[in-house]
Amino acid sequence: MILADTAIWIDYFRSRNPQMRVLMESAQIAIHPYVVAELALGSLHDRPGTLAALDKLRGVVVASLGELRRMMEAHSLYSKGIGLTDAHLIASCLLTPGMRLWTRDKALQNVSRTLGIHANRP
């Protein structure tokens, strides 16, 4: 399973990336509620329909703030150039068996590779 970050979704909405479509049609894409919230802050075509479709995708385990803080310490995720949402995506991949992270963000790629959760060319 693949967890796509917000930028991947934005690219999909702009260009209808065929790779993303294949993954969605084969039920290989999961969603994190923070990604949905970030997308909801933007301009969406058919806003109600798009948000409803995103809500129907498979979800991931969402870490509590305490779990996230422990994970940040355990994996030394501080000073790596990632943000809070990125850390939540990483935690979800670590907590959801078989989940891999799809991102083009360099800092997030580096961390996800180190942790063995990077999606290599999904």
PDB file of N, CA and C in Angstrom:
ATOM      1  N   MET A   1       0.846  -1.188   0.000  1.00  0.00           N
ATOM      2  CA  MET A   1       0.000   0.000   0.000  1.00  0.00           C
ATOM      3  C   MET A   1       0.886   1.245   0.000  1.00  0.00           C
ATOM      4  N   ILE A   2       0.354   2.289  -0.595  1.00  0.00           N
ATOM      5  CA  ILE A   2       1.076   3.546  -0.747  1.00  0.00           C
ATOM      6  C   ILE A   2       0.310   4.677  -0.066  1.00  0.00           C
ATOM      7  N   LEU A   3       1.020   5.443   0.747  1.00  0.00           N
ATOM      8  CA  LEU A   3       0.493   6.663   1.333  1.00  0.00           C
ATOM      9  C   LEU A   3       1.145   7.825   0.593  1.00  0.00           C
ATOM     10  N   ALA A   4       0.354   8.571  -0.150  1.00  0.00           N
ATOM     11  CA  ALA A   4       0.862   9.709  -0.929  1.00  0.00           C
ATOM     12  C   ALA A   4       0.766  10.977  -0.092  1.00  0.00           C
ATOM     13  N   ASP A   5       1.812  11.795  -0.156  1.00  0.00           N
ATOM     14  CA  ASP A   5       1.776  13.047   0.594  1.00  0.00           C
ATOM     15  C   ASP A   5       0.936  14.085  -0.163  1.00  0.00           C
ATOM     16  N   THR A   6       0.742  15.227   0.451  1.00  0.00           N
ATOM     17  CA  THR A   6      -0.129  16.266  -0.108  1.00  0.00           C
ATOM     18  C   THR A   6       0.330  16.729  -1.487  1.00  0.00           C
ATOM     19  N   ALA A   7       1.628  16.914  -1.683  1.00  0.00           N
ATOM     20  CA  ALA A   7       2.135  17.395  -2.978  1.00  0.00           C
ATOM     21  C   ALA A   7       1.836  16.402  -4.093  1.00  0.00           C
ATOM     22  N   ILE A   8       1.907  15.121  -3.807  1.00  0.00           N
ATOM     23  CA  ILE A   8       1.574  14.106  -4.815  1.00  0.00           C
ATOM     24  C   ILE A   8       0.107  14.239  -5.210  1.00  0.00           C
ATOM     25  N   TRP A   9      -0.758  14.453  -4.237  1.00  0.00           N
ATOM     26  CA  TRP A   9      -2.185  14.633  -4.530  1.00  0.00           C
ATOM     27  C   TRP A   9      -2.420  15.901  -5.349  1.00  0.00           C
ATOM     28  N   ILE A  10      -1.751  16.973  -4.998  1.00  0.00           N
ATOM     29  CA  ILE A  10      -1.919  18.218  -5.749  1.00  0.00           C
ATOM     30  C   ILE A  10      -1.502  18.003  -7.204  1.00  0.00           C
ATOM     31  N   ASP A  11      -0.382  17.340  -7.401  1.00  0.00           N
ATOM     32  CA  ASP A  11       0.060  17.022  -8.770  1.00  0.00           C
ATOM     33  C   ASP A  11      -1.000  16.189  -9.496  1.00  0.00           C
ATOM     34  N   TYR A  12      -1.579  15.247  -8.794  1.00  0.00           N
ATOM     35  CA  TYR A  12      -2.612  14.398  -9.406  1.00  0.00           C
ATOM     36  C   TYR A  12      -3.825  15.239  -9.823  1.00  0.00           C
ATOM     37  N   PHE A  13      -4.275  16.113  -8.952  1.00  0.00           N
ATOM     38  CA  PHE A  13      -5.439  16.933  -9.284  1.00  0.00           C
ATOM     39  C   PHE A  13      -5.155  17.878 -10.445  1.00  0.00           C
ATOM     40  N   ARG A  14      -3.918  18.302 -10.577  1.00  0.00           N
ATOM     41  CA  ARG A  14      -3.559  19.205 -11.677  1.00  0.00           C
ATOM     42  C   ARG A  14      -3.395  18.470 -13.006  1.00  0.00           C
ATOM     43  N   SER A  15      -2.781  17.292 -12.965  1.00  0.00           N
ATOM     44  CA  SER A  15      -2.405  16.638 -14.229  1.00  0.00           C
ATOM     45  C   SER A  15      -2.993  15.249 -14.428  1.00  0.00           C
ATOM     46  N   ARG A  16      -3.731  14.762 -13.445  1.00  0.00           N
ATOM     47  CA  ARG A  16      -4.334  13.417 -13.535  1.00  0.00           C
ATOM     48  C   ARG A  16      -3.275  12.353 -13.835  1.00  0.00           C
ATOM     49  N   ASN A  17      -2.200  12.379 -13.049  1.00  0.00           N
ATOM     50  CA  ASN A  17      -1.098  11.432 -13.166  1.00  0.00           C
ATOM     51  C   ASN A  17      -1.640  10.010 -13.352  1.00  0.00           C
ATOM     52  N   PRO A  18      -1.335   9.373 -14.488  1.00  0.00           N
ATOM     53  CA  PRO A  18      -1.865   8.034 -14.755  1.00  0.00           C
ATOM     54  C   PRO A  18      -1.371   6.990 -13.749  1.00  0.00           C
ATOM     55  N   GLN A  19      -0.186   7.181 -13.217  1.00  0.00           N
ATOM     56  CA  GLN A  19       0.352   6.264 -12.223  1.00  0.00           C
ATOM     57  C   GLN A  19      -0.525   6.268 -10.961  1.00  0.00           C
ATOM     58  N   MET A  20      -0.949   7.444 -10.541  1.00  0.00           N
ATOM     59  CA  MET A  20      -1.823   7.568  -9.372  1.00  0.00           C
ATOM     60  C   MET A  20      -3.179   6.940  -9.657  1.00  0.00           C
ATOM     61  N   ARG A  21      -3.695   7.167 -10.855  1.00  0.00           N
ATOM     62  CA  ARG A  21      -4.998   6.590 -11.215  1.00  0.00           C
ATOM     63  C   ARG A  21      -4.953   5.063 -11.136  1.00  0.00           C
ATOM     64  N   VAL A  22      -3.900   4.455 -11.663  1.00  0.00           N
ATOM     65  CA  VAL A  22      -3.759   2.989 -11.621  1.00  0.00           C
ATOM     66  C   VAL A  22      -3.735   2.507 -10.178  1.00  0.00           C
ATOM     67  N   LEU A  23      -2.973   3.198  -9.338  1.00  0.00           N
ATOM     68  CA  LEU A  23      -2.891   2.811  -7.928  1.00  0.00           C
ATOM     69  C   LEU A  23      -4.245   2.947  -7.231  1.00  0.00           C
ATOM     70  N   MET A  24      -4.984   3.989  -7.553  1.00  0.00           N
ATOM     71  CA  MET A  24      -6.301   4.172  -6.939  1.00  0.00           C
ATOM     72  C   MET A  24      -7.274   3.104  -7.423  1.00  0.00           C
ATOM     73  N   GLU A  25      -7.258   2.824  -8.721  1.00  0.00           N
ATOM     74  CA  GLU A  25      -8.172   1.817  -9.269  1.00  0.00           C
ATOM     75  C   GLU A  25      -7.886   0.424  -8.742  1.00  0.00           C
ATOM     76  N   SER A  26      -6.629   0.173  -8.369  1.00  0.00           N
ATOM     77  CA  SER A  26      -6.273  -1.136  -7.816  1.00  0.00           C
ATOM     78  C   SER A  26      -6.282  -1.127  -6.280  1.00  0.00           C
ATOM     79  N   ALA A  27      -6.860  -0.093  -5.696  1.00  0.00           N
ATOM     80  CA  ALA A  27      -7.001   0.041  -4.241  1.00  0.00           C
ATOM     81  C   ALA A  27      -5.651  -0.042  -3.528  1.00  0.00           C
ATOM     82  N   GLN A  28      -4.625   0.582  -4.112  1.00  0.00           N
ATOM     83  CA  GLN A  28      -3.288   0.573  -3.526  1.00  0.00           C
ATOM     84  C   GLN A  28      -2.898   1.907  -2.886  1.00  0.00           C
ATOM     85  N   ILE A  29      -3.822   2.865  -2.896  1.00  0.00           N
ATOM     86  CA  ILE A  29      -3.557   4.180  -2.316  1.00  0.00           C
ATOM     87  C   ILE A  29      -4.330   4.314  -1.005  1.00  0.00           C
ATOM     88  N   ALA A  30      -3.614   4.771   0.001  1.00  0.00           N
ATOM     89  CA  ALA A  30      -4.239   5.061   1.296  1.00  0.00           C
ATOM     90  C   ALA A  30      -4.186   6.573   1.522  1.00  0.00           C
ATOM     91  N   ILE A  31      -4.922   7.021   2.515  1.00  0.00           N
ATOM     92  CA  ILE A  31      -4.996   8.457   2.784  1.00  0.00           C
ATOM     93  C   ILE A  31      -4.831   8.704   4.280  1.00  0.00           C
ATOM     94  N   HIS A  32      -4.235   9.831   4.597  1.00  0.00           N
ATOM     95  CA  HIS A  32      -4.080  10.261   5.988  1.00  0.00           C
ATOM     96  C   HIS A  32      -5.012  11.449   6.188  1.00  0.00           C
ATOM     97  N   PRO A  33      -5.685  11.553   7.328  1.00  0.00           N
ATOM     98  CA  PRO A  33      -6.613  12.672   7.523  1.00  0.00           C
ATOM     99  C   PRO A  33      -5.944  14.041   7.453  1.00  0.00           C
ATOM    100  N   TYR A  34      -4.661  14.141   7.793  1.00  0.00           N
ATOM    101  CA  TYR A  34      -3.970  15.427   7.692  1.00  0.00           C
ATOM    102  C   TYR A  34      -3.777  15.823   6.240  1.00  0.00           C
ATOM    103  N   VAL A  35      -3.576  14.858   5.371  1.00  0.00           N
ATOM    104  CA  VAL A  35      -3.462  15.148   3.935  1.00  0.00           C
ATOM    105  C   VAL A  35      -4.804  15.660   3.415  1.00  0.00           C
ATOM    106  N   VAL A  36      -5.885  15.012   3.822  1.00  0.00           N
ATOM    107  CA  VAL A  36      -7.223  15.468   3.415  1.00  0.00           C
ATOM    108  C   VAL A  36      -7.442  16.897   3.909  1.00  0.00           C
ATOM    109  N   ALA A  37      -7.067  17.171   5.148  1.00  0.00           N
ATOM    110  CA  ALA A  37      -7.252  18.518   5.700  1.00  0.00           C
ATOM    111  C   ALA A  37      -6.426  19.545   4.934  1.00  0.00           C
ATOM    112  N   GLU A  38      -5.185  19.212   4.601  1.00  0.00           N
ATOM    113  CA  GLU A  38      -4.358  20.143   3.823  1.00  0.00           C
ATOM    114  C   GLU A  38      -4.962  20.389   2.448  1.00  0.00           C
ATOM    115  N   LEU A  39      -5.455  19.333   1.806  1.00  0.00           N
ATOM    116  CA  LEU A  39      -6.087  19.492   0.497  1.00  0.00           C
ATOM    117  C   LEU A  39      -7.359  20.326   0.612  1.00  0.00           C
ATOM    118  N   ALA A  40      -8.102  20.133   1.693  1.00  0.00           N
ATOM    119  CA  ALA A  40      -9.352  20.878   1.891  1.00  0.00           C
ATOM    120  C   ALA A  40      -9.104  22.376   2.056  1.00  0.00           C
ATOM    121  N   LEU A  41      -7.896  22.742   2.456  1.00  0.00           N
ATOM    122  CA  LEU A  41      -7.550  24.161   2.585  1.00  0.00           C
ATOM    123  C   LEU A  41      -7.287  24.821   1.237  1.00  0.00           C
ATOM    124  N   GLY A  42      -7.145  23.999   0.195  1.00  0.00           N
ATOM    125  CA  GLY A  42      -6.864  24.530  -1.128  1.00  0.00           C
ATOM    126  C   GLY A  42      -8.105  24.635  -1.987  1.00  0.00           C
ATOM    127  N   SER A  43      -7.883  24.939  -3.245  1.00  0.00           N
ATOM    128  CA  SER A  43      -8.963  25.064  -4.217  1.00  0.00           C
ATOM    129  C   SER A  43      -9.148  23.718  -4.919  1.00  0.00           C
ATOM    130  N   LEU A  44     -10.301  23.112  -4.723  1.00  0.00           N
ATOM    131  CA  LEU A  44     -10.580  21.800  -5.296  1.00  0.00           C
ATOM    132  C   LEU A  44     -11.715  21.889  -6.299  1.00  0.00           C
ATOM    133  N   HIS A  45     -11.530  21.230  -7.428  1.00  0.00           N
ATOM    134  CA  HIS A  45     -12.616  21.092  -8.396  1.00  0.00           C
ATOM    135  C   HIS A  45     -13.643  20.149  -7.787  1.00  0.00           C
ATOM    136  N   ASP A  46     -14.927  20.433  -7.930  1.00  0.00           N
ATOM    137  CA  ASP A  46     -15.981  19.620  -7.334  1.00  0.00           C
ATOM    138  C   ASP A  46     -15.638  19.288  -5.885  1.00  0.00           C
ATOM    139  N   ARG A  47     -15.476  20.321  -5.107  1.00  0.00           N
ATOM    140  CA  ARG A  47     -15.038  20.200  -3.721  1.00  0.00           C
ATOM    141  C   ARG A  47     -15.779  19.121  -2.936  1.00  0.00           C
ATOM    142  N   PRO A  48     -17.110  19.131  -2.888  1.00  0.00           N
ATOM    143  CA  PRO A  48     -17.800  18.093  -2.109  1.00  0.00           C
ATOM    144  C   PRO A  48     -17.514  16.677  -2.624  1.00  0.00           C
ATOM    145  N   GLY A  49     -17.520  16.512  -3.932  1.00  0.00           N
ATOM    146  CA  GLY A  49     -17.272  15.190  -4.510  1.00  0.00           C
ATOM    147  C   GLY A  49     -15.846  14.717  -4.290  1.00  0.00           C
ATOM    148  N   THR A  50     -14.898  15.640  -4.437  1.00  0.00           N
ATOM    149  CA  THR A  50     -13.491  15.291  -4.240  1.00  0.00           C
ATOM    150  C   THR A  50     -13.228  14.893  -2.797  1.00  0.00           C
ATOM    151  N   LEU A  51     -13.725  15.679  -1.850  1.00  0.00           N
ATOM    152  CA  LEU A  51     -13.506  15.354  -0.443  1.00  0.00           C
ATOM    153  C   LEU A  51     -14.204  14.050  -0.062  1.00  0.00           C
ATOM    154  N   ALA A  52     -15.384  13.812  -0.604  1.00  0.00           N
ATOM    155  CA  ALA A  52     -16.086  12.549  -0.338  1.00  0.00           C
ATOM    156  C   ALA A  52     -15.302  11.364  -0.885  1.00  0.00           C
ATOM    157  N   ALA A  53     -14.728  11.518  -2.072  1.00  0.00           N
ATOM    158  CA  ALA A  53     -13.920  10.436  -2.669  1.00  0.00           C
ATOM    159  C   ALA A  53     -12.670  10.162  -1.836  1.00  0.00           C
ATOM    160  N   LEU A  54     -12.032  11.213  -1.361  1.00  0.00           N
ATOM    161  CA  LEU A  54     -10.845  11.041  -0.521  1.00  0.00           C
ATOM    162  C   LEU A  54     -11.206  10.332   0.783  1.00  0.00           C
ATOM    163  N   ASP A  55     -12.349  10.689   1.342  1.00  0.00           N
ATOM    164  CA  ASP A  55     -12.781  10.068   2.595  1.00  0.00           C
ATOM    165  C   ASP A  55     -13.091   8.581   2.448  1.00  0.00           C
ATOM    166  N   LYS A  56     -13.356   8.138   1.227  1.00  0.00           N
ATOM    167  CA  LYS A  56     -13.661   6.723   0.984  1.00  0.00           C
ATOM    168  C   LYS A  56     -12.417   5.852   0.828  1.00  0.00           C
ATOM    169  N   LEU A  57     -11.252   6.491   0.647  1.00  0.00           N
ATOM    170  CA  LEU A  57     -10.022   5.718   0.487  1.00  0.00           C
ATOM    171  C   LEU A  57      -9.639   5.048   1.800  1.00  0.00           C
ATOM    172  N   ARG A  58      -8.853   3.990   1.700  1.00  0.00           N
ATOM    173  CA  ARG A  58      -8.388   3.298   2.893  1.00  0.00           C
ATOM    174  C   ARG A  58      -7.593   4.263   3.758  1.00  0.00           C
ATOM    175  N   GLY A  59      -7.853   4.227   5.037  1.00  0.00           N
ATOM    176  CA  GLY A  59      -7.125   5.073   5.972  1.00  0.00           C
ATOM    177  C   GLY A  59      -5.908   4.362   6.532  1.00  0.00           C
ATOM    178  N   VAL A  60      -5.120   5.098   7.263  1.00  0.00           N
ATOM    179  CA  VAL A  60      -3.933   4.557   7.914  1.00  0.00           C
ATOM    180  C   VAL A  60      -4.095   4.722   9.422  1.00  0.00           C
ATOM    181  N   VAL A  61      -3.264   4.044  10.168  1.00  0.00           N
ATOM    182  CA  VAL A  61      -3.234   4.249  11.609  1.00  0.00           C
ATOM    183  C   VAL A  61      -2.684   5.652  11.858  1.00  0.00           C
ATOM    184  N   VAL A  62      -3.368   6.422  12.680  1.00  0.00           N
ATOM    185  CA  VAL A  62      -2.938   7.786  12.988  1.00  0.00           C
ATOM    186  C   VAL A  62      -2.356   7.792  14.398  1.00  0.00           C
ATOM    187  N   ALA A  63      -1.115   8.225  14.502  1.00  0.00           N
ATOM    188  CA  ALA A  63      -0.429   8.255  15.789  1.00  0.00           C
ATOM    189  C   ALA A  63      -0.994   9.354  16.682  1.00  0.00           C
ATOM    190  N   SER A  64      -1.078   9.054  17.970  1.00  0.00           N
ATOM    191  CA  SER A  64      -1.405  10.101  18.933  1.00  0.00           C
ATOM    192  C   SER A  64      -0.183  11.011  19.056  1.00  0.00           C
ATOM    193  N   LEU A  65      -0.366  12.162  19.664  1.00  0.00           N
ATOM    194  CA  LEU A  65       0.758  13.069  19.822  1.00  0.00           C
ATOM    195  C   LEU A  65       1.852  12.436  20.682  1.00  0.00           C
ATOM    196  N   GLY A  66       1.463  11.697  21.703  1.00  0.00           N
ATOM    197  CA  GLY A  66       2.444  11.009  22.541  1.00  0.00           C
ATOM    198  C   GLY A  66       3.229   9.967  21.753  1.00  0.00           C
ATOM    199  N   GLU A  67       2.519   9.188  20.938  1.00  0.00           N
ATOM    200  CA  GLU A  67       3.197   8.195  20.095  1.00  0.00           C
ATOM    201  C   GLU A  67       4.150   8.879  19.122  1.00  0.00           C
ATOM    202  N   LEU A  68       3.708   9.986  18.564  1.00  0.00           N
ATOM    203  CA  LEU A  68       4.535  10.721  17.617  1.00  0.00           C
ATOM    204  C   LEU A  68       5.803  11.243  18.287  1.00  0.00           C
ATOM    205  N   ARG A  69       5.668  11.802  19.478  1.00  0.00           N
ATOM    206  CA  ARG A  69       6.838  12.313  20.198  1.00  0.00           C
ATOM    207  C   ARG A  69       7.822  11.190  20.509  1.00  0.00           C
ATOM    208  N   ARG A  70       7.315  10.032  20.921  1.00  0.00           N
ATOM    209  CA  ARG A  70       8.206   8.893  21.204  1.00  0.00           C
ATOM    210  C   ARG A  70       8.914   8.426  19.941  1.00  0.00           C
ATOM    211  N   MET A  71       8.185   8.400  18.819  1.00  0.00           N
ATOM    212  CA  MET A  71       8.775   7.989  17.548  1.00  0.00           C
ATOM    213  C   MET A  71       9.846   8.984  17.099  1.00  0.00           C
ATOM    214  N   MET A  72       9.587  10.273  17.300  1.00  0.00           N
ATOM    215  CA  MET A  72      10.558  11.288  16.914  1.00  0.00           C
ATOM    216  C   MET A  72      11.866  11.081  17.669  1.00  0.00           C
ATOM    217  N   GLU A  73      11.781  10.745  18.934  1.00  0.00           N
ATOM    218  CA  GLU A  73      12.984  10.505  19.730  1.00  0.00           C
ATOM    219  C   GLU A  73      13.637   9.177  19.357  1.00  0.00           C
ATOM    220  N   ALA A  74      12.828   8.148  19.215  1.00  0.00           N
ATOM    221  CA  ALA A  74      13.368   6.814  18.925  1.00  0.00           C
ATOM    222  C   ALA A  74      14.104   6.762  17.589  1.00  0.00           C
ATOM    223  N   HIS A  75      13.630   7.541  16.612  1.00  0.00           N
ATOM    224  CA  HIS A  75      14.226   7.521  15.269  1.00  0.00           C
ATOM    225  C   HIS A  75      15.022   8.791  14.954  1.00  0.00           C
ATOM    226  N   SER A  76      15.258   9.609  15.977  1.00  0.00           N
ATOM    227  CA  SER A  76      16.038  10.853  15.817  1.00  0.00           C
ATOM    228  C   SER A  76      15.546  11.676  14.623  1.00  0.00           C
ATOM    229  N   LEU A  77      14.241  11.952  14.593  1.00  0.00           N
ATOM    230  CA  LEU A  77      13.658  12.664  13.456  1.00  0.00           C
ATOM    231  C   LEU A  77      13.776  14.184  13.552  1.00  0.00           C
ATOM    232  N   TYR A  78      14.345  14.678  14.620  1.00  0.00           N
ATOM    233  CA  TYR A  78      14.515  16.118  14.782  1.00  0.00           C
ATOM    234  C   TYR A  78      15.685  16.598  13.925  1.00  0.00           C
ATOM    235  N   SER A  79      15.616  17.844  13.526  1.00  0.00           N
ATOM    236  CA  SER A  79      16.667  18.489  12.716  1.00  0.00           C
ATOM    237  C   SER A  79      16.894  17.785  11.383  1.00  0.00           C
ATOM    238  N   LYS A  80      15.843  17.224  10.813  1.00  0.00           N
ATOM    239  CA  LYS A  80      15.944  16.530   9.523  1.00  0.00           C
ATOM    240  C   LYS A  80      15.269  17.306   8.403  1.00  0.00           C
ATOM    241  N   GLY A  81      14.653  18.454   8.746  1.00  0.00           N
ATOM    242  CA  GLY A  81      14.006  19.260   7.722  1.00  0.00           C
ATOM    243  C   GLY A  81      12.590  18.826   7.383  1.00  0.00           C
ATOM    244  N   ILE A  82      11.983  18.030   8.261  1.00  0.00           N
ATOM    245  CA  ILE A  82      10.590  17.627   8.024  1.00  0.00           C
ATOM    246  C   ILE A  82       9.678  18.370   8.994  1.00  0.00           C
ATOM    247  N   GLY A  83       8.406  18.451   8.633  1.00  0.00           N
ATOM    248  CA  GLY A  83       7.432  19.139   9.464  1.00  0.00           C
ATOM    249  C   GLY A  83       6.525  18.169  10.194  1.00  0.00           C
ATOM    250  N   LEU A  84       5.568  18.733  10.906  1.00  0.00           N
ATOM    251  CA  LEU A  84       4.660  17.933  11.726  1.00  0.00           C
ATOM    252  C   LEU A  84       3.831  16.961  10.894  1.00  0.00           C
ATOM    253  N   THR A  85       3.266  17.424   9.795  1.00  0.00           N
ATOM    254  CA  THR A  85       2.482  16.520   8.951  1.00  0.00           C
ATOM    255  C   THR A  85       3.370  15.418   8.388  1.00  0.00           C
ATOM    256  N   ASP A  86       4.580  15.768   7.967  1.00  0.00           N
ATOM    257  CA  ASP A  86       5.521  14.758   7.466  1.00  0.00           C
ATOM    258  C   ASP A  86       5.783  13.700   8.534  1.00  0.00           C
ATOM    259  N   ALA A  87       6.015  14.149   9.764  1.00  0.00           N
ATOM    260  CA  ALA A  87       6.271  13.209  10.861  1.00  0.00           C
ATOM    261  C   ALA A  87       5.067  12.301  11.081  1.00  0.00           C
ATOM    262  N   HIS A  88       3.870  12.852  10.956  1.00  0.00           N
ATOM    263  CA  HIS A  88       2.657  12.029  11.093  1.00  0.00           C
ATOM    264  C   HIS A  88       2.568  10.995   9.970  1.00  0.00           C
ATOM    265  N   LEU A  89       2.925  11.378   8.758  1.00  0.00           N
ATOM    266  CA  LEU A  89       2.898  10.419   7.651  1.00  0.00           C
ATOM    267  C   LEU A  89       3.897   9.292   7.895  1.00  0.00           C
ATOM    268  N   ILE A  90       5.068   9.645   8.369  1.00  0.00           N
ATOM    269  CA  ILE A  90       6.072   8.630   8.698  1.00  0.00           C
ATOM    270  C   ILE A  90       5.545   7.696   9.776  1.00  0.00           C
ATOM    271  N   ALA A  91       4.985   8.268  10.831  1.00  0.00           N
ATOM    272  CA  ALA A  91       4.442   7.440  11.918  1.00  0.00           C
ATOM    273  C   ALA A  91       3.367   6.498  11.400  1.00  0.00           C
ATOM    274  N   SER A  92       2.509   6.986  10.543  1.00  0.00           N
ATOM    275  CA  SER A  92       1.443   6.137  10.000  1.00  0.00           C
ATOM    276  C   SER A  92       2.016   4.984   9.197  1.00  0.00           C
ATOM    277  N   CYS A  93       3.064   5.257   8.437  1.00  0.00           N
ATOM    278  CA  CYS A  93       3.694   4.169   7.672  1.00  0.00           C
ATOM    279  C   CYS A  93       4.335   3.146   8.606  1.00  0.00           C
ATOM    280  N   LEU A  94       4.928   3.619   9.687  1.00  0.00           N
ATOM    281  CA  LEU A  94       5.544   2.697  10.633  1.00  0.00           C
ATOM    282  C   LEU A  94       4.502   1.898  11.411  1.00  0.00           C
ATOM    283  N   LEU A  95       3.339   2.493  11.636  1.00  0.00           N
ATOM    284  CA  LEU A  95       2.286   1.834  12.413  1.00  0.00           C
ATOM    285  C   LEU A  95       1.326   0.994  11.570  1.00  0.00           C
ATOM    286  N   THR A  96       1.324   1.202  10.261  1.00  0.00           N
ATOM    287  CA  THR A  96       0.413   0.485   9.364  1.00  0.00           C
ATOM    288  C   THR A  96       1.233  -0.530   8.571  1.00  0.00           C
ATOM    289  N   PRO A  97       1.088  -1.815   8.863  1.00  0.00           N
ATOM    290  CA  PRO A  97       1.910  -2.829   8.187  1.00  0.00           C
ATOM    291  C   PRO A  97       1.828  -2.734   6.660  1.00  0.00           C
ATOM    292  N   GLY A  98       3.007  -2.774   6.024  1.00  0.00           N
ATOM    293  CA  GLY A  98       3.078  -2.777   4.570  1.00  0.00           C
ATOM    294  C   GLY A  98       2.908  -1.422   3.910  1.00  0.00           C
ATOM    295  N   MET A  99       2.780  -0.361   4.688  1.00  0.00           N
ATOM    296  CA  MET A  99       2.548   0.971   4.125  1.00  0.00           C
ATOM    297  C   MET A  99       3.883   1.606   3.726  1.00  0.00           C
ATOM    298  N   ARG A 100       3.899   2.215   2.525  1.00  0.00           N
ATOM    299  CA  ARG A 100       5.074   2.916   2.017  1.00  0.00           C
ATOM    300  C   ARG A 100       4.677   4.350   1.694  1.00  0.00           C
ATOM    301  N   LEU A 101       5.634   5.265   1.793  1.00  0.00           N
ATOM    302  CA  LEU A 101       5.370   6.689   1.603  1.00  0.00           C
ATOM    303  C   LEU A 101       5.851   7.153   0.236  1.00  0.00           C
ATOM    304  N   TRP A 102       4.956   7.813  -0.509  1.00  0.00           N
ATOM    305  CA  TRP A 102       5.274   8.377  -1.816  1.00  0.00           C
ATOM    306  C   TRP A 102       5.380   9.887  -1.663  1.00  0.00           C
ATOM    307  N   THR A 103       6.565  10.412  -1.892  1.00  0.00           N
ATOM    308  CA  THR A 103       6.816  11.844  -1.792  1.00  0.00           C
ATOM    309  C   THR A 103       7.937  12.220  -2.742  1.00  0.00           C
ATOM    310  N   ARG A 104       7.944  13.492  -3.144  1.00  0.00           N
ATOM    311  CA  ARG A 104       9.072  14.015  -3.900  1.00  0.00           C
ATOM    312  C   ARG A 104       9.871  15.021  -3.066  1.00  0.00           C
ATOM    313  N   ASP A 105       9.432  15.251  -1.846  1.00  0.00           N
ATOM    314  CA  ASP A 105      10.129  16.142  -0.928  1.00  0.00           C
ATOM    315  C   ASP A 105      11.448  15.480  -0.518  1.00  0.00           C
ATOM    316  N   LYS A 106      12.552  16.165  -0.765  1.00  0.00           N
ATOM    317  CA  LYS A 106      13.880  15.571  -0.549  1.00  0.00           C
ATOM    318  C   LYS A 106      14.125  15.174   0.901  1.00  0.00           C
ATOM    319  N   ALA A 107      13.804  16.054   1.838  1.00  0.00           N
ATOM    320  CA  ALA A 107      14.033  15.734   3.250  1.00  0.00           C
ATOM    321  C   ALA A 107      13.186  14.541   3.674  1.00  0.00           C
ATOM    322  N   LEU A 108      11.932  14.530   3.248  1.00  0.00           N
ATOM    323  CA  LEU A 108      11.036  13.429   3.595  1.00  0.00           C
ATOM    324  C   LEU A 108      11.466  12.139   2.912  1.00  0.00           C
ATOM    325  N   GLN A 109      11.963  12.233   1.686  1.00  0.00           N
ATOM    326  CA  GLN A 109      12.502  11.046   1.003  1.00  0.00           C
ATOM    327  C   GLN A 109      13.680  10.472   1.783  1.00  0.00           C
ATOM    328  N   ASN A 110      14.582  11.328   2.219  1.00  0.00           N
ATOM    329  CA  ASN A 110      15.757  10.861   2.950  1.00  0.00           C
ATOM    330  C   ASN A 110      15.361  10.121   4.223  1.00  0.00           C
ATOM    331  N   VAL A 111      14.445  10.694   4.979  1.00  0.00           N
ATOM    332  CA  VAL A 111      14.009  10.056   6.222  1.00  0.00           C
ATOM    333  C   VAL A 111      13.285   8.752   5.924  1.00  0.00           C
ATOM    334  N   SER A 112      12.392   8.766   4.938  1.00  0.00           N
ATOM    335  CA  SER A 112      11.627   7.547   4.642  1.00  0.00           C
ATOM    336  C   SER A 112      12.526   6.426   4.112  1.00  0.00           C
ATOM    337  N   ARG A 113      13.557   6.800   3.356  1.00  0.00           N
ATOM    338  CA  ARG A 113      14.525   5.780   2.899  1.00  0.00           C
ATOM    339  C   ARG A 113      15.278   5.182   4.083  1.00  0.00           C
ATOM    340  N   THR A 114      15.737   6.037   4.969  1.00  0.00           N
ATOM    341  CA  THR A 114      16.467   5.573   6.154  1.00  0.00           C
ATOM    342  C   THR A 114      15.622   4.601   6.972  1.00  0.00           C
ATOM    343  N   LEU A 115      14.323   4.867   7.056  1.00  0.00           N
ATOM    344  CA  LEU A 115      13.424   4.028   7.850  1.00  0.00           C
ATOM    345  C   LEU A 115      12.871   2.838   7.072  1.00  0.00           C
ATOM    346  N   GLY A 116      13.193   2.748   5.782  1.00  0.00           N
ATOM    347  CA  GLY A 116      12.724   1.628   4.972  1.00  0.00           C
ATOM    348  C   GLY A 116      11.260   1.684   4.590  1.00  0.00           C
ATOM    349  N   ILE A 117      10.703   2.906   4.531  1.00  0.00           N
ATOM    350  CA  ILE A 117       9.279   3.044   4.195  1.00  0.00           C
ATOM    351  C   ILE A 117       9.061   3.853   2.917  1.00  0.00           C
ATOM    352  N   HIS A 118      10.123   4.191   2.221  1.00  0.00           N
ATOM    353  CA  HIS A 118      10.004   4.979   0.984  1.00  0.00           C
ATOM    354  C   HIS A 118       9.419   4.123  -0.133  1.00  0.00           C
ATOM    355  N   ALA A 119       8.459   4.659  -0.852  1.00  0.00           N
ATOM    356  CA  ALA A 119       7.874   3.981  -2.002  1.00  0.00           C
ATOM    357  C   ALA A 119       8.743   4.273  -3.209  1.00  0.00           C
ATOM    358  N   ASN A 120       9.486   3.305  -3.649  1.00  0.00           N
ATOM    359  CA  ASN A 120      10.328   3.460  -4.830  1.00  0.00           C
ATOM    360  C   ASN A 120       9.487   3.329  -6.090  1.00  0.00           C
ATOM    361  N   ARG A 121       9.307   4.443  -6.776  1.00  0.00           N
ATOM    362  CA  ARG A 121       8.532   4.468  -8.021  1.00  0.00           C
ATOM    363  C   ARG A 121       7.263   3.641  -7.930  1.00  0.00           C
ATOM    364  N   PRO A 122       6.290   4.119  -7.171  1.00  0.00           N
ATOM    365  CA  PRO A 122       5.048   3.338  -6.985  1.00  0.00           C
ATOM    366  C   PRO A 122       4.338   3.021  -8.280  1.00  0.00           C
TER     367      PRO A 122
END
